[in-house]
């Protein structure tokens, strides 16, 4: 027969193991979310940079066309 002390110890051990498992799963979810946010933010900034560069090239092309037409 298991004594009261050992029963209490087993309960604490089970709770600790359960908490560690759940916290690990939550940390994995958060880590994945942070990674995905960083990736999407980086992709968005890349799009912004590419659009700015394209607009700059378009202005330069228009300027060269205007100069050639004169």
PDB file of N, CA and C in Angstrom:
ATOM      1  N   UNK A   1       0.837  -1.176   0.000  1.00  0.00           N
ATOM      2  CA  UNK A   1       0.000   0.000   0.000  1.00  0.00           C
ATOM      3  C   UNK A   1       0.883   1.240   0.000  1.00  0.00           C
ATOM      4  N   UNK A   2       0.492   2.209  -0.793  1.00  0.00           N
ATOM      5  CA  UNK A   2       1.255   3.446  -0.935  1.00  0.00           C
ATOM      6  C   UNK A   2       0.876   4.383   0.202  1.00  0.00           C
ATOM      7  N   UNK A   3       1.907   4.960   0.819  1.00  0.00           N
ATOM      8  CA  UNK A   3       1.661   5.887   1.914  1.00  0.00           C
ATOM      9  C   UNK A   3       1.229   7.250   1.400  1.00  0.00           C
ATOM     10  N   UNK A   4       0.765   8.080   2.318  1.00  0.00           N
ATOM     11  CA  UNK A   4       0.265   9.410   1.971  1.00  0.00           C
ATOM     12  C   UNK A   4       1.377  10.267   1.367  1.00  0.00           C
ATOM     13  N   UNK A   5       2.582  10.204   1.931  1.00  0.00           N
ATOM     14  CA  UNK A   5       3.696  10.995   1.422  1.00  0.00           C
ATOM     15  C   UNK A   5       4.033  10.608  -0.018  1.00  0.00           C
ATOM     16  N   UNK A   6       4.132   9.294  -0.260  1.00  0.00           N
ATOM     17  CA  UNK A   6       4.482   8.825  -1.603  1.00  0.00           C
ATOM     18  C   UNK A   6       3.378   9.159  -2.603  1.00  0.00           C
ATOM     19  N   UNK A   7       2.139   9.079  -2.179  1.00  0.00           N
ATOM     20  CA  UNK A   7       1.017   9.436  -3.042  1.00  0.00           C
ATOM     21  C   UNK A   7       1.086  10.916  -3.419  1.00  0.00           C
ATOM     22  N   UNK A   8       1.398  11.752  -2.434  1.00  0.00           N
ATOM     23  CA  UNK A   8       1.548  13.191  -2.699  1.00  0.00           C
ATOM     24  C   UNK A   8       2.693  13.471  -3.657  1.00  0.00           C
ATOM     25  N   UNK A   9       3.815  12.756  -3.437  1.00  0.00           N
ATOM     26  CA  UNK A   9       4.978  12.911  -4.314  1.00  0.00           C
ATOM     27  C   UNK A   9       4.632  12.511  -5.737  1.00  0.00           C
ATOM     28  N   UNK A  10       3.916  11.415  -5.910  1.00  0.00           N
ATOM     29  CA  UNK A  10       3.517  10.958  -7.240  1.00  0.00           C
ATOM     30  C   UNK A  10       2.611  11.979  -7.927  1.00  0.00           C
ATOM     31  N   UNK A  11       1.705  12.569  -7.155  1.00  0.00           N
ATOM     32  CA  UNK A  11       0.806  13.586  -7.710  1.00  0.00           C
ATOM     33  C   UNK A  11       1.593  14.798  -8.189  1.00  0.00           C
ATOM     34  N   UNK A  12       2.528  15.272  -7.364  1.00  0.00           N
ATOM     35  CA  UNK A  12       3.358  16.421  -7.741  1.00  0.00           C
ATOM     36  C   UNK A  12       4.181  16.088  -8.982  1.00  0.00           C
ATOM     37  N   UNK A  13       4.716  14.886  -9.030  1.00  0.00           N
ATOM     38  CA  UNK A  13       5.515  14.471 -10.181  1.00  0.00           C
ATOM     39  C   UNK A  13       4.668  14.466 -11.451  1.00  0.00           C
ATOM     40  N   UNK A  14       3.474  13.905 -11.390  1.00  0.00           N
ATOM     41  CA  UNK A  14       2.591  13.862 -12.557  1.00  0.00           C
ATOM     42  C   UNK A  14       2.206  15.266 -13.010  1.00  0.00           C
ATOM     43  N   UNK A  15       1.876  16.132 -12.042  1.00  0.00           N
ATOM     44  CA  UNK A  15       1.521  17.512 -12.383  1.00  0.00           C
ATOM     45  C   UNK A  15       2.694  18.235 -13.038  1.00  0.00           C
ATOM     46  N   UNK A  16       3.890  18.019 -12.529  1.00  0.00           N
ATOM     47  CA  UNK A  16       5.085  18.654 -13.083  1.00  0.00           C
ATOM     48  C   UNK A  16       5.342  18.175 -14.505  1.00  0.00           C
ATOM     49  N   UNK A  17       5.235  16.868 -14.723  1.00  0.00           N
ATOM     50  CA  UNK A  17       5.435  16.324 -16.065  1.00  0.00           C
ATOM     51  C   UNK A  17       4.380  16.849 -17.035  1.00  0.00           C
ATOM     52  N   UNK A  18       3.142  16.918 -16.577  1.00  0.00           N
ATOM     53  CA  UNK A  18       2.060  17.425 -17.414  1.00  0.00           C
ATOM     54  C   UNK A  18       2.295  18.893 -17.763  1.00  0.00           C
ATOM     55  N   UNK A  19       2.666  19.678 -16.765  1.00  0.00           N
ATOM     56  CA  UNK A  19       2.931  21.101 -17.005  1.00  0.00           C
ATOM     57  C   UNK A  19       4.068  21.273 -18.001  1.00  0.00           C
ATOM     58  N   UNK A  20       5.129  20.501 -17.846  1.00  0.00           N
ATOM     59  CA  UNK A  20       6.267  20.604 -18.763  1.00  0.00           C
ATOM     60  C   UNK A  20       5.847  20.277 -20.194  1.00  0.00           C
ATOM     61  N   UNK A  21       5.031  19.265 -20.358  1.00  0.00           N
ATOM     62  CA  UNK A  21       4.563  18.892 -21.699  1.00  0.00           C
ATOM     63  C   UNK A  21       3.719  19.993 -22.321  1.00  0.00           C
ATOM     64  N   UNK A  22       2.785  20.529 -21.543  1.00  0.00           N
ATOM     65  CA  UNK A  22       1.909  21.581 -22.064  1.00  0.00           C
ATOM     66  C   UNK A  22       2.689  22.860 -22.352  1.00  0.00           C
ATOM     67  N   UNK A  23       3.585  23.228 -21.468  1.00  0.00           N
ATOM     68  CA  UNK A  23       4.390  24.434 -21.685  1.00  0.00           C
ATOM     69  C   UNK A  23       5.270  24.258 -22.919  1.00  0.00           C
ATOM     70  N   UNK A  24       5.821  23.070 -23.099  1.00  0.00           N
ATOM     71  CA  UNK A  24       6.614  22.796 -24.297  1.00  0.00           C
ATOM     72  C   UNK A  24       5.795  22.938 -25.566  1.00  0.00           C
ATOM     73  N   UNK A  25       4.576  22.424 -25.548  1.00  0.00           N
ATOM     74  CA  UNK A  25       3.701  22.534 -26.718  1.00  0.00           C
ATOM     75  C   UNK A  25       3.346  23.993 -26.999  1.00  0.00           C
ATOM     76  N   UNK A  26       3.047  24.739 -25.948  1.00  0.00           N
ATOM     77  CA  UNK A  26       2.730  26.162 -26.104  1.00  0.00           C
ATOM     78  C   UNK A  26       3.933  26.918 -26.655  1.00  0.00           C
ATOM     79  N   UNK A  27       5.123  26.625 -26.145  1.00  0.00           N
ATOM     80  CA  UNK A  27       6.338  27.280 -26.634  1.00  0.00           C
ATOM     81  C   UNK A  27       6.569  26.979 -28.113  1.00  0.00           C
ATOM     82  N   UNK A  28       6.284  25.757 -28.523  1.00  0.00           N
ATOM     83  CA  UNK A  28       6.430  25.392 -29.934  1.00  0.00           C
ATOM     84  C   UNK A  28       5.466  26.189 -30.799  1.00  0.00           C
ATOM     85  N   UNK A  29       4.240  26.344 -30.340  1.00  0.00           N
ATOM     86  CA  UNK A  29       3.243  27.130 -31.074  1.00  0.00           C
ATOM     87  C   UNK A  29       3.706  28.576 -31.199  1.00  0.00           C
ATOM     88  N   UNK A  30       4.158  29.158 -30.098  1.00  0.00           N
ATOM     89  CA  UNK A  30       4.605  30.553 -30.101  1.00  0.00           C
ATOM     90  C   UNK A  30       5.824  30.719 -31.007  1.00  0.00           C
ATOM     91  N   UNK A  31       6.762  29.794 -30.920  1.00  0.00           N
ATOM     92  CA  UNK A  31       7.960  29.865 -31.759  1.00  0.00           C
ATOM     93  C   UNK A  31       7.590  29.829 -33.236  1.00  0.00           C
ATOM     94  N   UNK A  32       6.684  28.951 -33.592  1.00  0.00           N
ATOM     95  CA  UNK A  32       6.232  28.875 -34.983  1.00  0.00           C
ATOM     96  C   UNK A  32       5.545  30.156 -35.428  1.00  0.00           C
ATOM     97  N   UNK A  33       4.727  30.722 -34.552  1.00  0.00           N
ATOM     98  CA  UNK A  33       4.027  31.959 -34.891  1.00  0.00           C
ATOM     99  C   UNK A  33       5.008  33.110 -35.089  1.00  0.00           C
ATOM    100  N   UNK A  34       5.988  33.225 -34.206  1.00  0.00           N
ATOM    101  CA  UNK A  34       6.994  34.285 -34.332  1.00  0.00           C
ATOM    102  C   UNK A  34       7.773  34.110 -35.639  1.00  0.00           C
ATOM    103  N   UNK A  35       8.145  32.877 -35.953  1.00  0.00           N
ATOM    104  CA  UNK A  35       8.864  32.591 -37.202  1.00  0.00           C
ATOM    105  C   UNK A  35       8.018  32.999 -38.407  1.00  0.00           C
ATOM    106  N   UNK A  36       6.739  32.629 -38.401  1.00  0.00           N
ATOM    107  CA  UNK A  36       5.861  32.951 -39.523  1.00  0.00           C
ATOM    108  C   UNK A  36       5.666  34.460 -39.665  1.00  0.00           C
ATOM    109  N   UNK A  37       5.516  35.157 -38.543  1.00  0.00           N
ATOM    110  CA  UNK A  37       5.366  36.613 -38.576  1.00  0.00           C
ATOM    111  C   UNK A  37       6.627  37.261 -39.135  1.00  0.00           C
ATOM    112  N   UNK A  38       7.784  36.798 -38.696  1.00  0.00           N
ATOM    113  CA  UNK A  38       9.046  37.350 -39.201  1.00  0.00           C
ATOM    114  C   UNK A  38       9.171  37.127 -40.705  1.00  0.00           C
ATOM    115  N   UNK A  39       8.815  35.945 -41.172  1.00  0.00           N
ATOM    116  CA  UNK A  39       8.885  35.636 -42.604  1.00  0.00           C
ATOM    117  C   UNK A  39       7.940  36.537 -43.402  1.00  0.00           C
ATOM    118  N   UNK A  40       6.697  36.656 -42.951  1.00  0.00           N
ATOM    119  CA  UNK A  40       5.724  37.481 -43.672  1.00  0.00           C
ATOM    120  C   UNK A  40       6.131  38.950 -43.670  1.00  0.00           C
ATOM    121  N   UNK A  41       6.643  39.432 -42.541  1.00  0.00           N
ATOM    122  CA  UNK A  41       7.085  40.821 -42.461  1.00  0.00           C
ATOM    123  C   UNK A  41       8.250  41.057 -43.416  1.00  0.00           C
ATOM    124  N   UNK A  42       9.192  40.135 -43.447  1.00  0.00           N
ATOM    125  CA  UNK A  42      10.320  40.252 -44.369  1.00  0.00           C
ATOM    126  C   UNK A  42       9.875  40.246 -45.820  1.00  0.00           C
ATOM    127  N   UNK A  43       8.947  39.365 -46.155  1.00  0.00           N
ATOM    128  CA  UNK A  43       8.418  39.313 -47.525  1.00  0.00           C
ATOM    129  C   UNK A  43       7.713  40.615 -47.890  1.00  0.00           C
ATOM    130  N   UNK A  44       6.968  41.165 -46.930  1.00  0.00           N
ATOM    131  CA  UNK A  44       6.252  42.413 -47.163  1.00  0.00           C
ATOM    132  C   UNK A  44       7.246  43.544 -47.420  1.00  0.00           C
ATOM    133  N   UNK A  45       8.285  43.649 -46.596  1.00  0.00           N
ATOM    134  CA  UNK A  45       9.292  44.689 -46.794  1.00  0.00           C
ATOM    135  C   UNK A  45      10.007  44.513 -48.134  1.00  0.00           C
ATOM    136  N   UNK A  46      10.252  43.278 -48.528  1.00  0.00           N
ATOM    137  CA  UNK A  46      10.860  43.030 -49.835  1.00  0.00           C
ATOM    138  C   UNK A  46       9.958  43.549 -50.943  1.00  0.00           C
ATOM    139  N   UNK A  47       8.654  43.304 -50.830  1.00  0.00           N
ATOM    140  CA  UNK A  47       7.702  43.820 -51.817  1.00  0.00           C
ATOM    141  C   UNK A  47       7.745  45.345 -51.872  1.00  0.00           C
ATOM    142  N   UNK A  48       7.782  45.989 -50.707  1.00  0.00           N
ATOM    143  CA  UNK A  48       7.823  47.454 -50.652  1.00  0.00           C
ATOM    144  C   UNK A  48       9.080  47.965 -51.352  1.00  0.00           C
ATOM    145  N   UNK A  49      10.223  47.360 -51.061  1.00  0.00           N
ATOM    146  CA  UNK A  49      11.484  47.778 -51.678  1.00  0.00           C
ATOM    147  C   UNK A  49      11.422  47.594 -53.191  1.00  0.00           C
ATOM    148  N   UNK A  50      10.916  46.452 -53.637  1.00  0.00           N
ATOM    149  CA  UNK A  50      10.825  46.197 -55.077  1.00  0.00           C
ATOM    150  C   UNK A  50       9.894  47.192 -55.759  1.00  0.00           C
ATOM    151  N   UNK A  51       8.781  47.545 -55.113  1.00  0.00           N
ATOM    152  CA  UNK A  51       7.852  48.516 -55.694  1.00  0.00           C
ATOM    153  C   UNK A  51       8.495  49.898 -55.784  1.00  0.00           C
ATOM    154  N   UNK A  52       9.221  50.288 -54.738  1.00  0.00           N
ATOM    155  CA  UNK A  52       9.905  51.586 -54.764  1.00  0.00           C
ATOM    156  C   UNK A  52      10.937  51.624 -55.881  1.00  0.00           C
ATOM    157  N   UNK A  53      11.710  50.546 -56.026  1.00  0.00           N
ATOM    158  CA  UNK A  53      12.720  50.491 -57.084  1.00  0.00           C
ATOM    159  C   UNK A  53      12.069  50.528 -58.468  1.00  0.00           C
ATOM    160  N   UNK A  54      10.959  49.821 -58.633  1.00  0.00           N
ATOM    161  CA  UNK A  54      10.258  49.821 -59.920  1.00  0.00           C
ATOM    162  C   UNK A  54       9.715  51.211 -60.234  1.00  0.00           C
ATOM    163  N   UNK A  55       9.166  51.888 -59.238  1.00  0.00           N
ATOM    164  CA  UNK A  55       8.653  53.242 -59.444  1.00  0.00           C
ATOM    165  C   UNK A  55       9.794  54.190 -59.814  1.00  0.00           C
ATOM    166  N   UNK A  56      10.934  54.028 -59.166  1.00  0.00           N
ATOM    167  CA  UNK A  56      12.097  54.866 -59.463  1.00  0.00           C
ATOM    168  C   UNK A  56      12.565  54.634 -60.908  1.00  0.00           C
ATOM    169  N   UNK A  57      12.635  53.372 -61.324  1.00  0.00           N
ATOM    170  CA  UNK A  57      13.037  53.058 -62.692  1.00  0.00           C
ATOM    171  C   UNK A  57      12.031  53.617 -63.701  1.00  0.00           C
ATOM    172  N   UNK A  58      10.752  53.542 -63.372  1.00  0.00           N
ATOM    173  CA  UNK A  58       9.721  54.068 -64.268  1.00  0.00           C
ATOM    174  C   UNK A  58       9.863  55.579 -64.417  1.00  0.00           C
ATOM    175  N   UNK A  59      10.155  56.282 -63.325  1.00  0.00           N
ATOM    176  CA  UNK A  59      10.362  57.734 -63.401  1.00  0.00           C
ATOM    177  C   UNK A  59      11.586  58.058 -64.252  1.00  0.00           C
ATOM    178  N   UNK A  60      12.654  57.287 -64.075  1.00  0.00           N
ATOM    179  CA  UNK A  60      13.860  57.506 -64.880  1.00  0.00           C
ATOM    180  C   UNK A  60      13.584  57.251 -66.361  1.00  0.00           C
ATOM    181  N   UNK A  61      12.857  56.184 -66.664  1.00  0.00           N
ATOM    182  CA  UNK A  61      12.514  55.885 -68.055  1.00  0.00           C
ATOM    183  C   UNK A  61      11.677  57.005 -68.656  1.00  0.00           C
ATOM    184  N   UNK A  62      10.715  57.503 -67.900  1.00  0.00           N
ATOM    185  CA  UNK A  62       9.864  58.586 -68.384  1.00  0.00           C
ATOM    186  C   UNK A  62      10.701  59.840 -68.623  1.00  0.00           C
ATOM    187  N   UNK A  63      11.629  60.112 -67.721  1.00  0.00           N
ATOM    188  CA  UNK A  63      12.501  61.281 -67.859  1.00  0.00           C
ATOM    189  C   UNK A  63      13.344  61.158 -69.132  1.00  0.00           C
ATOM    190  N   UNK A  64      13.893  59.965 -69.393  1.00  0.00           N
ATOM    191  CA  UNK A  64      14.702  59.745 -70.594  1.00  0.00           C
ATOM    192  C   UNK A  64      13.844  59.853 -71.859  1.00  0.00           C
ATOM    193  N   UNK A  65      12.602  59.388 -71.806  1.00  0.00           N
ATOM    194  CA  UNK A  65      11.707  59.491 -72.961  1.00  0.00           C
ATOM    195  C   UNK A  65      11.354  60.945 -73.231  1.00  0.00           C
ATOM    196  N   UNK A  66      11.126  61.701 -72.164  1.00  0.00           N
ATOM    197  CA  UNK A  66      10.815  63.125 -72.319  1.00  0.00           C
ATOM    198  C   UNK A  66      11.998  63.864 -72.930  1.00  0.00           C
ATOM    199  N   UNK A  67      13.211  63.533 -72.493  1.00  0.00           N
ATOM    200  CA  UNK A  67      14.410  64.171 -73.031  1.00  0.00           C
ATOM    201  C   UNK A  67      14.600  63.816 -74.507  1.00  0.00           C
ATOM    202  N   UNK A  68      14.314  62.583 -74.876  1.00  0.00           N
ATOM    203  CA  UNK A  68      14.483  62.140 -76.260  1.00  0.00           C
ATOM    204  C   UNK A  68      13.446  62.778 -77.174  1.00  0.00           C
ATOM    205  N   UNK A  69      12.280  63.081 -76.641  1.00  0.00           N
ATOM    206  CA  UNK A  69      11.209  63.660 -77.439  1.00  0.00           C
ATOM    207  C   UNK A  69      11.469  65.134 -77.729  1.00  0.00           C
ATOM    208  N   UNK A  70      12.288  65.771 -76.948  1.00  0.00           N
ATOM    209  CA  UNK A  70      12.533  67.208 -77.126  1.00  0.00           C
ATOM    210  C   UNK A  70      13.501  67.496 -78.190  1.00  0.00           C
TER     211      UNK A  70
END
